[in-house]
Amino acid sequence: MIEKRLKGDTPVCDAIIMDYGGNDSDFKWKEIAECPEDEHLPNTPLDVFVDTYHKIIRMLKEKGIRPILTTLPPLSAQKFFHWFCKGLNKENILKWLGSVEAIYRWQENYSRAVEKIAVATNTLLVDLRGAFLKHRRIENLLCEDGTHPNTEGQKIITQAFLDFFKIPRKKR
């Protein structure tokens, strides 16, 4: 999609916020539930994710567009597990995972990869994960699915961007 949008000589924007990794780090849980003994890869294996991210950043910079990366907001492993397991064999999925907390650690790998990519490519980074982790009860900042930020989580994201760009928040 990005290649298609970047065709031509005129930049389509000055900057672009890149928020990738959440869906990339996810798995095909139905397949895991059916065959927990098999090897299962995430939607985008980490090495492919990293290579693709580097390629996108290069393409954007060549077009004069400033990429701004974001770390992934953390997920609530318990809530996410119960959400994606609806109608699936939870015991088989847990057999494959080893523990529910493995979901959190796996997703964290992608967020850490984004941090490393930002450093390696000298690209701006907004630390959404860090902003969330300042709060004691992350699950209260997420929707029922345990992964998407709810209204309170969106406020954390907004504040992280305001802080990053040093924009004072309006008083209500």
Protein backbone atom coordinates (compact mmCIF):
# COMPACT_ATOMS: atom_id res chain seq x y z
CA MET A 1 0.00 0.00 0.00
CA ILE A 2 2.79 2.40 0.87
CA GLU A 3 4.63 1.72 -2.40
CA LYS A 4 1.44 2.45 -4.31
CA ARG A 5 0.87 5.74 -2.44
CA LEU A 6 4.49 6.84 -2.99
CA LYS A 7 4.45 6.53 -6.79
CA GLY A 8 5.36 9.83 -8.42
CA ASP A 9 7.67 12.64 -7.44
CA THR A 10 5.48 14.67 -5.09
CA PRO A 11 5.48 13.60 -1.43
CA VAL A 12 1.98 12.78 -0.21
CA CYS A 13 2.74 14.26 3.24
CA ASP A 14 5.56 15.67 5.36
CA ALA A 15 5.51 12.92 7.99
CA ILE A 16 3.82 9.62 8.68
CA ILE A 17 3.19 7.89 11.98
CA MET A 18 3.98 4.20 11.75
CA ASP A 19 2.19 1.98 14.25
CA TYR A 20 2.96 -1.56 13.15
CA GLY A 21 3.51 -4.77 15.06
CA GLY A 22 0.31 -5.63 16.89
CA ASN A 23 -1.32 -7.64 14.11
CA ASP A 24 2.06 -8.78 12.85
CA SER A 25 2.88 -10.45 16.17
CA ASP A 26 -0.48 -12.22 16.39
CA PHE A 27 -1.10 -15.87 15.49
CA LYS A 28 -3.75 -17.95 13.76
CA TRP A 29 -5.24 -19.18 17.03
CA LYS A 30 -7.77 -21.54 15.41
CA GLU A 31 -4.93 -23.44 13.73
CA ILE A 32 -3.02 -23.59 17.03
CA ALA A 33 -6.13 -24.86 18.85
CA GLU A 34 -6.53 -27.62 16.28
CA CYS A 35 -2.86 -28.68 16.09
CA PRO A 36 -0.91 -27.56 19.18
CA GLU A 37 1.98 -29.92 18.41
CA ASP A 38 2.72 -28.20 15.10
CA GLU A 39 5.03 -25.25 14.59
CA HIS A 40 3.08 -22.02 14.20
CA LEU A 41 4.50 -18.76 12.96
CA PRO A 42 3.12 -15.32 13.72
CA ASN A 43 1.27 -13.41 11.00
CA THR A 44 4.59 -11.74 10.15
CA PRO A 45 7.73 -13.48 11.43
CA LEU A 46 9.94 -11.08 13.37
CA ASP A 47 12.81 -11.09 10.84
CA VAL A 48 10.40 -10.30 8.00
CA PHE A 49 8.78 -7.59 10.14
CA VAL A 50 12.15 -5.94 10.81
CA ASP A 51 13.28 -6.14 7.17
CA THR A 52 9.96 -4.75 5.94
CA TYR A 53 10.03 -1.91 8.46
CA HIS A 54 13.54 -0.94 7.33
CA LYS A 55 12.42 -0.99 3.69
CA ILE A 56 9.39 1.21 4.40
CA ILE A 57 11.49 3.73 6.34
CA ARG A 58 14.03 3.88 3.49
CA MET A 59 11.27 4.44 0.92
CA LEU A 60 9.69 7.21 3.00
CA LYS A 61 12.97 9.01 3.63
CA GLU A 62 13.87 8.81 -0.08
CA LYS A 63 10.60 10.64 -0.80
CA GLY A 64 11.34 13.31 1.81
CA ILE A 65 8.74 12.00 4.25
CA ARG A 66 9.71 11.82 7.92
CA PRO A 67 8.66 8.51 9.51
CA ILE A 68 7.65 8.61 13.17
CA LEU A 69 7.56 5.18 14.78
CA THR A 70 5.57 4.15 17.84
CA THR A 71 6.17 1.35 20.27
CA LEU A 72 3.24 -1.00 20.83
CA PRO A 73 0.92 -0.36 23.74
CA PRO A 74 1.16 -3.41 25.99
CA LEU A 75 -1.63 -5.93 25.97
CA SER A 76 -3.35 -7.67 28.84
CA ALA A 77 -2.39 -11.30 28.31
CA GLN A 78 -5.32 -12.68 30.35
CA LYS A 79 -7.97 -10.56 28.63
CA PHE A 80 -6.47 -11.17 25.19
CA PHE A 81 -6.27 -14.94 25.83
CA HIS A 82 -9.93 -15.13 26.84
CA TRP A 83 -10.93 -12.97 23.89
CA PHE A 84 -9.24 -14.92 21.09
CA CYS A 85 -10.00 -18.29 22.66
CA LYS A 86 -13.77 -17.85 22.38
CA GLY A 87 -15.05 -21.03 20.78
CA LEU A 88 -11.56 -22.57 20.60
CA ASN A 89 -9.84 -25.29 22.61
CA LYS A 90 -8.14 -23.22 25.35
CA GLU A 91 -6.27 -26.23 26.72
CA ASN A 92 -4.61 -26.89 23.37
CA ILE A 93 -3.69 -23.24 22.93
CA LEU A 94 -2.24 -23.13 26.43
CA LYS A 95 -0.34 -26.34 25.70
CA TRP A 96 1.26 -24.63 22.71
CA LEU A 97 1.87 -21.30 24.49
CA GLY A 98 3.30 -22.73 27.69
CA SER A 99 1.71 -19.90 29.70
CA VAL A 100 -0.74 -17.09 29.09
CA GLU A 101 2.04 -14.57 29.83
CA ALA A 102 3.93 -15.82 26.76
CA ILE A 103 1.48 -13.73 24.71
CA TYR A 104 2.70 -10.55 26.41
CA ARG A 105 6.36 -11.44 25.97
CA TRP A 106 5.91 -12.34 22.31
CA GLN A 107 4.19 -9.04 21.51
CA GLU A 108 6.86 -7.19 23.51
CA ASN A 109 9.52 -8.60 21.14
CA TYR A 110 7.92 -6.68 18.28
CA SER A 111 7.77 -3.47 20.30
CA ARG A 112 11.43 -3.81 21.25
CA ALA A 113 12.26 -4.46 17.59
CA VAL A 114 10.60 -1.14 16.72
CA GLU A 115 12.81 0.59 19.31
CA LYS A 116 15.92 -0.96 17.75
CA ILE A 117 14.77 -0.03 14.24
CA ALA A 118 14.29 3.59 15.34
CA VAL A 119 17.85 3.72 16.69
CA ALA A 120 19.37 1.93 13.69
CA THR A 121 17.62 4.21 11.19
CA ASN A 122 17.87 7.43 13.20
CA THR A 123 14.07 7.71 13.15
CA LEU A 124 11.82 9.49 15.63
CA LEU A 125 10.07 7.23 18.14
CA VAL A 126 7.03 7.87 20.34
CA ASP A 127 7.13 5.49 23.30
CA LEU A 128 3.48 4.52 23.72
CA ARG A 129 4.41 1.35 25.60
CA GLY A 130 6.36 3.32 28.18
CA ALA A 131 3.43 5.71 28.63
CA PHE A 132 1.09 2.78 29.34
CA LEU A 133 3.53 1.03 31.65
CA LYS A 134 3.53 4.03 33.97
CA HIS A 135 0.04 2.93 35.01
CA ARG A 136 -0.50 0.19 37.54
CA ARG A 137 -3.55 -1.42 35.95
CA ILE A 138 -2.94 -1.62 32.23
CA GLU A 139 -6.03 -3.79 31.77
CA ASN A 140 -8.15 -0.74 32.73
CA LEU A 141 -6.74 1.09 29.70
CA LEU A 142 -7.71 -1.61 27.20
CA CYS A 143 -10.92 -2.79 25.59
CA GLU A 144 -12.49 -6.13 26.39
CA ASP A 145 -10.21 -7.80 23.82
CA GLY A 146 -7.17 -6.93 25.97
CA THR A 147 -5.24 -5.36 23.13
CA HIS A 148 -6.94 -2.25 21.75
CA PRO A 149 -6.83 0.92 23.89
CA ASN A 150 -10.18 2.03 25.29
CA THR A 151 -11.14 5.68 25.89
CA GLU A 152 -8.76 5.95 28.84
CA GLY A 153 -6.01 4.26 26.82
CA GLN A 154 -6.60 6.71 23.97
CA LYS A 155 -6.04 9.54 26.44
CA ILE A 156 -2.66 7.97 27.32
CA ILE A 157 -1.77 7.86 23.62
CA THR A 158 -2.87 11.46 23.12
CA GLN A 159 -0.77 12.60 26.06
CA ALA A 160 2.25 10.63 24.81
CA PHE A 161 2.05 12.48 21.48
CA LEU A 162 1.50 15.84 23.16
CA ASP A 163 4.53 15.19 25.36
CA PHE A 164 6.59 14.04 22.39
CA PHE A 165 5.80 17.13 20.37
CA LYS A 166 5.84 19.30 23.51
CA ILE A 167 2.32 20.58 22.93
CA PRO A 168 0.53 21.77 26.07
CA ARG A 169 -2.74 20.01 26.75
CA LYS A 170 -5.85 22.19 26.70
CA LYS A 171 -7.53 22.75 30.04
CA ARG A 172 -11.15 21.70 30.19
